[in-house]
């Protein structure tokens, strides 16, 4: 069940294009959750198609990519498979062919599931490749009530083959983007009512192991992904006091404000006067004694987010600071560009207990330098800013 053919001499010595119909072989092993050979039926090989093509202005097309079924993969009784493609399928012939795919080298190989979860390999391939093992994950994810919210718990992925230990992410998915995300290696996998708000969301846990396999003249990049079915949470969401508030930069307002509308769409916070603004302002509908501020989908240049409040928009008092913003070296798998969050942060900033009632909020960032000093940071984009609190008058 493994490819055993000789490559042409030109490929071995320095590389040359294959003929369009030359075979490319994918091989691999598929396992049940208990490690036994897979016996759950055929797998689905998927490819990314542009589903809403639009001219890109340069003679090509752009649009949203969606993976769709392309071929069926049938393992044998030992869980082994050998799948034949062609050089034309993966662009190994070096020729231009009309095709609907956003990337001819990108594939997903899915186990069949009916519970709303996913187990699959994402990989990029141009020549023969032996894929890492694909094993079903029985995470048994559960929500345990804790600290006014819920802590997510699960059974770890079983070590298999040469796969690295996975990273785990709690992802609260809204219709237009992520409502919340936690990397379990950097923070407690906990969610509260204010993370959900009134978004239509599903909460899942994703385990992802990223790696490469290297051969002579060939490198396979892959993500091994296990994703739980939606996890029911034992509470309802909470709408923030900032819903419908106005927002502005120093150079002027955004009307209507796209950062307090509850839609989670990514918004580039820039104007001609401020392409990378240093501060963002919210004008609440009425004064609030703030208790916490959530910032979703923050992308920018800075290490710490500072939250400040004001009554008149002139005098500002500190309300709270975020921990150091995490690096982007550990991110979940996501193929949807509307949801992808490789460069986005989800920050829950607790406000000091003696915070005064305020009608305005200012967000700014600072970069912490190696000598301990700091300089002003800059904002690039955001999805939503949410201020939670109580009435201004006790």
Protein backbone atom coordinates (compact mmCIF):
# COMPACT_ATOMS: atom_id res chain seq x y z
CA UNK A 1 0.00 0.00 0.00
CA UNK A 2 2.90 2.40 -0.56
CA UNK A 3 4.11 3.93 -3.86
CA UNK A 4 7.10 2.10 -5.34
CA UNK A 5 7.96 3.60 -8.71
CA UNK A 6 11.15 5.19 -10.03
CA UNK A 7 11.08 8.90 -10.71
CA UNK A 8 12.48 10.17 -14.02
CA UNK A 9 16.21 10.92 -13.88
CA UNK A 10 15.67 14.68 -14.45
CA UNK A 11 13.50 14.83 -11.30
CA UNK A 12 16.11 13.03 -9.21
CA UNK A 13 19.00 15.20 -10.40
CA UNK A 14 17.45 18.64 -10.46
CA UNK A 15 13.72 18.62 -11.08
CA UNK A 16 11.58 18.68 -14.19
CA UNK A 17 7.89 18.81 -14.91
CA UNK A 18 5.93 15.58 -15.13
CA UNK A 19 3.57 14.78 -17.96
CA UNK A 20 -0.03 15.84 -17.18
CA UNK A 21 -1.30 12.27 -16.82
CA UNK A 22 1.65 10.96 -14.78
CA UNK A 23 0.35 9.54 -11.49
CA UNK A 24 0.88 11.16 -8.10
CA UNK A 25 0.29 8.85 -5.15
CA UNK A 26 -1.02 9.66 -1.69
CA UNK A 27 -0.72 6.94 0.95
CA UNK A 28 -1.56 6.85 4.63
CA UNK A 29 -3.10 5.13 7.64
CA UNK A 30 -6.55 5.74 9.12
CA UNK A 31 -7.41 4.73 12.68
CA UNK A 32 -10.41 4.52 14.95
CA UNK A 33 -10.31 6.48 18.21
CA UNK A 34 -9.07 3.36 20.05
CA UNK A 35 -6.18 2.88 17.61
CA UNK A 36 -7.75 -0.01 15.69
CA UNK A 37 -7.77 0.07 11.86
CA UNK A 38 -10.50 2.30 10.46
CA UNK A 39 -13.74 0.49 9.77
CA UNK A 40 -16.15 3.41 9.41
CA UNK A 41 -16.42 3.53 5.62
CA UNK A 42 -14.93 5.73 2.87
CA UNK A 43 -13.18 9.05 3.56
CA UNK A 44 -13.73 12.24 1.57
CA UNK A 45 -10.93 14.08 -0.20
CA UNK A 46 -11.84 17.77 -0.52
CA UNK A 47 -10.49 20.78 -2.42
CA UNK A 48 -11.04 24.55 -2.04
CA UNK A 49 -13.32 26.18 -4.63
CA UNK A 50 -14.15 29.88 -4.98
CA UNK A 51 -17.90 29.98 -4.35
CA UNK A 52 -18.56 33.65 -5.12
CA UNK A 53 -16.02 34.58 -7.83
CA UNK A 54 -15.43 38.26 -8.48
CA UNK A 55 -12.92 39.94 -10.83
CA UNK A 56 -9.78 40.90 -8.94
CA UNK A 57 -8.87 43.75 -11.31
CA UNK A 58 -5.79 41.97 -12.61
CA UNK A 59 -7.38 39.53 -15.02
CA UNK A 60 -8.07 36.87 -12.37
CA UNK A 61 -10.79 36.17 -9.84
CA UNK A 62 -11.10 36.39 -6.09
CA UNK A 63 -13.77 35.26 -3.63
CA UNK A 64 -14.54 33.06 -0.64
CA UNK A 65 -12.96 29.60 -0.61
CA UNK A 66 -15.01 26.61 0.50
CA UNK A 67 -13.72 23.05 0.61
CA UNK A 68 -15.98 20.67 -1.29
CA UNK A 69 -15.91 16.90 -1.89
CA UNK A 70 -13.69 15.89 -4.79
CA UNK A 71 -12.89 12.17 -4.44
CA UNK A 72 -13.60 9.16 -2.27
CA UNK A 73 -10.76 7.40 -0.43
CA UNK A 74 -11.33 3.79 0.62
CA UNK A 75 -8.96 2.28 3.24
CA UNK A 76 -8.41 -1.46 3.32
CA UNK A 77 -9.05 -3.79 6.28
CA UNK A 78 -5.78 -2.65 7.90
CA UNK A 79 -6.72 1.02 7.63
CA UNK A 80 -4.22 1.68 4.80
CA UNK A 81 -4.96 3.54 1.59
CA UNK A 82 -3.25 4.41 -1.68
CA UNK A 83 -4.90 7.18 -3.68
CA UNK A 84 -3.87 8.02 -7.23
CA UNK A 85 -3.99 11.59 -8.55
CA UNK A 86 -2.34 13.03 -11.65
CA UNK A 87 0.38 15.61 -12.14
CA UNK A 88 -2.29 17.81 -13.75
CA UNK A 89 -4.38 17.67 -10.56
CA UNK A 90 -1.63 19.20 -8.39
CA UNK A 91 0.18 21.37 -10.93
CA UNK A 92 3.24 19.10 -11.06
CA UNK A 93 3.24 19.20 -14.87
CA UNK A 94 4.16 22.88 -14.83
CA UNK A 95 1.36 23.74 -17.27
CA UNK A 96 -1.55 26.14 -16.98
CA UNK A 97 -4.92 24.32 -16.87
CA UNK A 98 -8.35 25.86 -16.28
CA UNK A 99 -9.54 24.85 -12.80
CA UNK A 100 -11.91 26.17 -10.11
CA UNK A 101 -9.54 25.71 -7.15
CA UNK A 102 -8.02 28.50 -5.10
CA UNK A 103 -4.90 26.36 -4.63
CA UNK A 104 -4.24 23.22 -6.69
CA UNK A 105 -1.88 21.88 -4.02
CA UNK A 106 -4.32 22.16 -1.07
CA UNK A 107 -6.51 19.27 0.13
CA UNK A 108 -8.49 18.08 3.12
CA UNK A 109 -9.02 14.40 3.94
CA UNK A 110 -12.08 13.91 6.19
CA UNK A 111 -13.35 11.06 8.29
CA UNK A 112 -17.13 10.69 8.05
CA UNK A 113 -18.90 12.18 11.10
CA UNK A 114 -22.57 12.89 11.73
CA UNK A 115 -22.42 14.58 15.16
CA UNK A 116 -21.25 18.02 13.98
CA UNK A 117 -17.58 17.40 14.77
CA UNK A 118 -14.71 17.07 12.32
CA UNK A 119 -11.57 14.93 12.05
CA UNK A 120 -9.39 15.68 9.04
CA UNK A 121 -5.96 16.32 7.59
CA UNK A 122 -5.25 19.52 5.70
CA UNK A 123 -2.18 19.25 3.51
CA UNK A 124 -0.39 20.68 0.50
CA UNK A 125 1.12 18.25 -1.97
CA UNK A 126 2.84 18.39 -5.38
CA UNK A 127 4.53 14.96 -5.56
CA UNK A 128 4.10 11.50 -4.04
CA UNK A 129 3.51 11.78 -0.30
CA UNK A 130 2.95 9.50 2.67
CA UNK A 131 0.47 11.39 4.86
CA UNK A 132 0.61 11.42 8.67
CA UNK A 133 -1.87 9.11 10.40
CA UNK A 134 -5.49 10.27 10.57
CA UNK A 135 -7.11 9.18 13.83
CA UNK A 136 -10.58 9.89 15.15
CA UNK A 137 -10.64 12.06 18.31
CA UNK A 138 -13.16 11.29 21.01
CA UNK A 139 -12.72 14.45 23.03
CA UNK A 140 -15.85 14.07 25.18
CA UNK A 141 -15.87 17.83 25.63
CA UNK A 142 -17.98 19.03 28.56
CA UNK A 143 -18.76 22.36 30.18
CA UNK A 144 -18.34 22.58 33.97
CA UNK A 145 -19.92 25.54 35.76
CA UNK A 146 -17.21 27.69 37.35
CA UNK A 147 -16.75 31.35 38.37
CA UNK A 148 -20.03 32.55 36.91
CA UNK A 149 -19.34 30.87 33.57
CA UNK A 150 -18.10 27.49 32.38
CA UNK A 151 -14.72 25.80 32.14
CA UNK A 152 -14.33 23.50 29.14
CA UNK A 153 -12.78 20.10 29.80
CA UNK A 154 -11.92 17.28 27.39
CA UNK A 155 -10.01 14.05 26.90
CA UNK A 156 -6.62 14.65 25.32
CA UNK A 157 -5.70 13.50 21.82
CA UNK A 158 -3.92 10.14 21.97
CA UNK A 159 -0.29 10.40 20.73
CA UNK A 160 -0.08 8.76 17.30
CA UNK A 161 2.87 8.18 14.99
CA UNK A 162 5.09 11.21 14.43
CA UNK A 163 2.35 13.78 15.08
CA UNK A 164 3.39 16.50 17.51
CA UNK A 165 1.34 17.10 20.64
CA UNK A 166 -1.60 19.28 19.58
CA UNK A 167 -2.52 22.77 20.67
CA UNK A 168 -6.08 23.18 21.97
CA UNK A 169 -8.36 26.13 21.29
CA UNK A 170 -11.81 27.03 22.64
CA UNK A 171 -13.65 28.81 19.83
CA UNK A 172 -17.00 30.59 20.17
CA UNK A 173 -18.11 30.94 16.56
CA UNK A 174 -20.63 33.56 15.44
CA UNK A 175 -22.33 33.86 12.08
CA UNK A 176 -19.92 36.51 10.71
CA UNK A 177 -16.79 35.82 12.75
CA UNK A 178 -15.37 34.60 16.01
CA UNK A 179 -17.08 35.87 19.14
CA UNK A 180 -14.31 34.55 21.39
CA UNK A 181 -11.19 32.40 21.31
CA UNK A 182 -8.91 30.97 23.99
CA UNK A 183 -5.63 29.14 23.48
CA UNK A 184 -5.70 26.56 26.27
CA UNK A 185 -1.91 26.66 26.61
CA UNK A 186 -1.93 30.39 27.37
CA UNK A 187 -5.11 30.90 29.41
CA UNK A 188 -7.76 28.91 31.25
CA UNK A 189 -10.29 27.38 28.82
CA UNK A 190 -13.15 29.32 30.36
CA UNK A 191 -16.03 31.31 28.86
CA UNK A 192 -18.62 33.56 30.48
CA UNK A 193 -21.95 35.16 29.48
CA UNK A 194 -20.23 38.31 28.22
CA UNK A 195 -18.23 36.31 25.66
CA UNK A 196 -21.49 35.05 24.12
CA UNK A 197 -23.54 38.28 24.27
CA UNK A 198 -26.61 37.73 22.06
CA UNK A 199 -24.63 36.40 19.10
CA UNK A 200 -25.88 33.23 17.42
CA UNK A 201 -22.88 31.14 18.43
CA UNK A 202 -21.58 27.61 18.66
CA UNK A 203 -18.81 26.72 21.11
CA UNK A 204 -16.30 24.06 20.08
CA UNK A 205 -12.87 22.80 21.08
CA UNK A 206 -10.28 22.33 18.36
CA UNK A 207 -7.12 20.24 18.65
CA UNK A 208 -4.58 20.93 15.92
CA UNK A 209 -1.12 19.44 15.31
CA UNK A 210 0.93 21.24 12.64
CA UNK A 211 3.99 19.80 10.99
CA UNK A 212 5.98 18.91 7.92
CA UNK A 213 7.36 15.78 6.32
CA UNK A 214 10.45 16.28 4.18
CA UNK A 215 11.78 14.06 1.42
CA UNK A 216 14.27 14.69 -1.36
CA UNK A 217 12.83 17.46 -3.57
CA UNK A 218 9.50 17.23 -1.76
CA UNK A 219 8.02 18.73 1.42
CA UNK A 220 4.56 18.01 2.82
CA UNK A 221 2.93 20.67 5.00
CA UNK A 222 0.00 19.47 7.10
CA UNK A 223 -2.45 20.21 9.91
CA UNK A 224 -4.04 17.28 11.74
CA UNK A 225 -7.33 18.66 13.10
CA UNK A 226 -9.87 17.30 15.52
CA UNK A 227 -12.88 19.49 16.25
CA UNK A 228 -15.63 18.73 18.74
CA UNK A 229 -19.36 18.98 18.07
CA UNK A 230 -21.00 22.13 19.50
CA UNK A 231 -20.84 22.14 23.29
CA UNK A 232 -23.97 23.31 25.17
CA UNK A 233 -23.20 25.95 27.81
CA UNK A 234 -25.16 26.26 31.09
CA UNK A 235 -25.96 29.96 30.75
CA UNK A 236 -27.30 32.58 28.35
CA UNK A 237 -25.36 35.46 26.90
CA UNK A 238 -25.33 39.02 28.22
CA UNK A 239 -25.79 42.13 26.08
CA UNK A 240 -23.19 44.85 26.79
CA UNK A 241 -23.96 48.39 27.88
CA UNK A 242 -22.02 49.58 24.84
CA UNK A 243 -24.37 48.05 22.24
CA UNK A 244 -25.16 50.77 19.71
CA UNK A 245 -22.62 53.22 21.14
CA UNK A 246 -20.84 55.66 18.87
CA UNK A 247 -17.17 55.26 18.01
CA UNK A 248 -14.51 57.54 16.58
CA UNK A 249 -10.86 58.20 15.97
CA UNK A 250 -9.20 61.49 16.83
CA UNK A 251 -9.83 62.57 13.22
CA UNK A 252 -13.59 61.92 13.31
CA UNK A 253 -16.43 59.44 13.92
CA UNK A 254 -17.50 56.24 12.16
CA UNK A 255 -21.23 56.50 11.44
CA UNK A 256 -22.85 54.19 12.22
CA UNK A 257 -20.30 52.54 14.48
CA UNK A 258 -19.34 49.07 13.15
CA UNK A 259 -17.65 48.05 16.42
CA UNK A 260 -20.70 48.07 18.70
CA UNK A 261 -23.37 46.67 16.36
CA UNK A 262 -23.12 43.02 17.47
CA UNK A 263 -22.25 41.73 13.98
CA UNK A 264 -18.63 40.54 14.50
CA UNK A 265 -17.53 41.59 11.02
CA UNK A 266 -13.90 42.58 10.71
CA UNK A 267 -13.48 46.34 10.32
CA UNK A 268 -10.32 48.19 9.37
CA UNK A 269 -10.11 51.15 11.74
CA UNK A 270 -8.41 53.66 9.49
CA UNK A 271 -9.04 56.93 7.71
CA UNK A 272 -7.01 58.94 5.24
CA UNK A 273 -5.87 61.11 8.13
CA UNK A 274 -5.16 58.14 10.44
CA UNK A 275 -4.14 55.02 8.50
CA UNK A 276 -2.91 53.39 11.74
CA UNK A 277 -4.64 55.21 14.60
CA UNK A 278 -3.17 55.32 18.10
CA UNK A 279 -6.49 55.59 19.96
CA UNK A 280 -10.11 54.53 19.58
CA UNK A 281 -13.00 56.28 21.37
CA UNK A 282 -16.48 55.05 22.36
CA UNK A 283 -19.37 57.35 23.33
CA UNK A 284 -21.85 55.35 25.44
CA UNK A 285 -25.56 56.06 25.22
CA UNK A 286 -25.63 56.73 28.95
CA UNK A 287 -23.03 56.72 31.76
CA UNK A 288 -22.01 53.30 33.06
CA UNK A 289 -19.89 52.09 35.96
CA UNK A 290 -17.72 49.68 33.90
CA UNK A 291 -16.73 46.25 35.19
CA UNK A 292 -14.98 44.72 32.19
CA UNK A 293 -14.19 45.51 28.56
CA UNK A 294 -13.95 42.87 25.84
CA UNK A 295 -12.09 43.55 22.62
CA UNK A 296 -12.65 41.03 19.82
CA UNK A 297 -10.52 40.53 16.73
CA UNK A 298 -7.88 43.10 17.66
CA UNK A 299 -5.07 43.39 15.12
CA UNK A 300 -2.43 46.04 15.46
CA UNK A 301 1.00 46.88 16.77
CA UNK A 302 1.27 46.82 20.53
CA UNK A 303 1.93 44.64 23.58
CA UNK A 304 -0.58 46.00 26.12
CA UNK A 305 -4.11 47.35 25.64
CA UNK A 306 -5.08 50.20 27.99
CA UNK A 307 -8.70 51.05 28.80
CA UNK A 308 -9.48 54.55 30.07
CA UNK A 309 -12.70 56.34 30.97
CA UNK A 310 -13.95 59.91 30.96
CA UNK A 311 -17.02 61.93 31.81
CA UNK A 312 -16.34 64.85 29.48
CA UNK A 313 -13.93 63.44 26.88
CA UNK A 314 -11.17 65.72 28.15
CA UNK A 315 -9.91 64.16 31.39
CA UNK A 316 -9.13 60.43 31.24
CA UNK A 317 -8.68 58.01 34.15
CA UNK A 318 -7.16 54.50 33.90
CA UNK A 319 -9.71 51.68 34.18
CA UNK A 320 -7.69 48.56 33.37
CA UNK A 321 -4.89 47.02 31.31
CA UNK A 322 -4.70 43.76 29.42
CA UNK A 323 -1.95 41.22 30.06
CA UNK A 324 0.85 41.20 27.52
CA UNK A 325 -0.65 40.43 24.11
CA UNK A 326 0.21 36.90 23.01
CA UNK A 327 2.44 36.09 20.08
CA UNK A 328 0.90 34.63 16.93
CA UNK A 329 2.98 31.45 16.74
CA UNK A 330 0.11 29.27 18.00
CA UNK A 331 -3.13 29.70 16.10
CA UNK A 332 -6.03 27.37 15.29
CA UNK A 333 -6.79 25.94 11.88
CA UNK A 334 -9.28 28.00 9.87
CA UNK A 335 -9.91 28.03 6.12
CA UNK A 336 -12.65 30.67 6.04
CA UNK A 337 -11.04 34.08 5.36
CA UNK A 338 -13.99 35.83 7.04
CA UNK A 339 -13.23 33.97 10.26
CA UNK A 340 -9.46 33.44 10.06
CA UNK A 341 -7.77 34.95 13.12
CA UNK A 342 -4.05 34.40 12.65
CA UNK A 343 -3.30 38.02 13.57
CA UNK A 344 -6.28 38.74 15.86
CA UNK A 345 -6.47 38.96 19.63
CA UNK A 346 -9.45 38.40 21.93
CA UNK A 347 -8.90 40.33 25.15
CA UNK A 348 -10.95 40.40 28.36
CA UNK A 349 -9.82 43.45 30.35
CA UNK A 350 -11.06 43.49 33.97
CA UNK A 351 -11.82 46.99 35.21
CA UNK A 352 -10.66 48.11 38.66
CA UNK A 353 -13.25 47.67 41.42
CA UNK A 354 -13.43 51.39 42.25
CA UNK A 355 -13.96 52.51 38.66
CA UNK A 356 -16.07 55.67 38.42
CA UNK A 357 -19.13 56.06 36.23
CA UNK A 358 -18.11 57.20 32.74
CA UNK A 359 -19.81 58.05 29.48
CA UNK A 360 -16.76 57.70 27.25
CA UNK A 361 -14.14 54.98 26.78
CA UNK A 362 -10.70 55.33 25.22
CA UNK A 363 -8.62 52.40 24.02
CA UNK A 364 -4.92 52.74 23.29
CA UNK A 365 -1.96 50.39 23.00
CA UNK A 366 1.68 50.56 24.00
CA UNK A 367 4.74 48.68 22.78
CA UNK A 368 7.03 47.52 25.59
CA UNK A 369 10.67 47.94 24.54
CA UNK A 370 13.59 45.78 25.60
CA UNK A 371 14.96 48.49 27.91
CA UNK A 372 11.68 48.61 29.86
CA UNK A 373 10.40 51.81 28.28
CA UNK A 374 7.33 51.96 26.05
CA UNK A 375 6.02 53.76 23.01
CA UNK A 376 2.56 54.26 21.53
CA UNK A 377 1.05 51.33 19.64
CA UNK A 378 -1.30 51.40 16.67
CA UNK A 379 -4.62 49.81 15.72
CA UNK A 380 -5.22 48.07 12.40
CA UNK A 381 -8.58 46.27 12.64
CA UNK A 382 -11.22 45.12 15.13
CA UNK A 383 -14.46 43.15 15.16
CA UNK A 384 -16.29 44.34 18.27
CA UNK A 385 -15.70 46.34 21.47
CA UNK A 386 -18.01 45.53 24.39
CA UNK A 387 -18.29 47.41 27.68
CA UNK A 388 -20.09 45.64 30.55
CA UNK A 389 -21.08 47.35 33.78
CA UNK A 390 -23.73 48.56 36.14
CA UNK A 391 -25.81 51.72 36.38
CA UNK A 392 -24.00 54.98 37.07
CA UNK A 393 -26.16 55.60 40.16
CA UNK A 394 -26.13 52.92 42.87
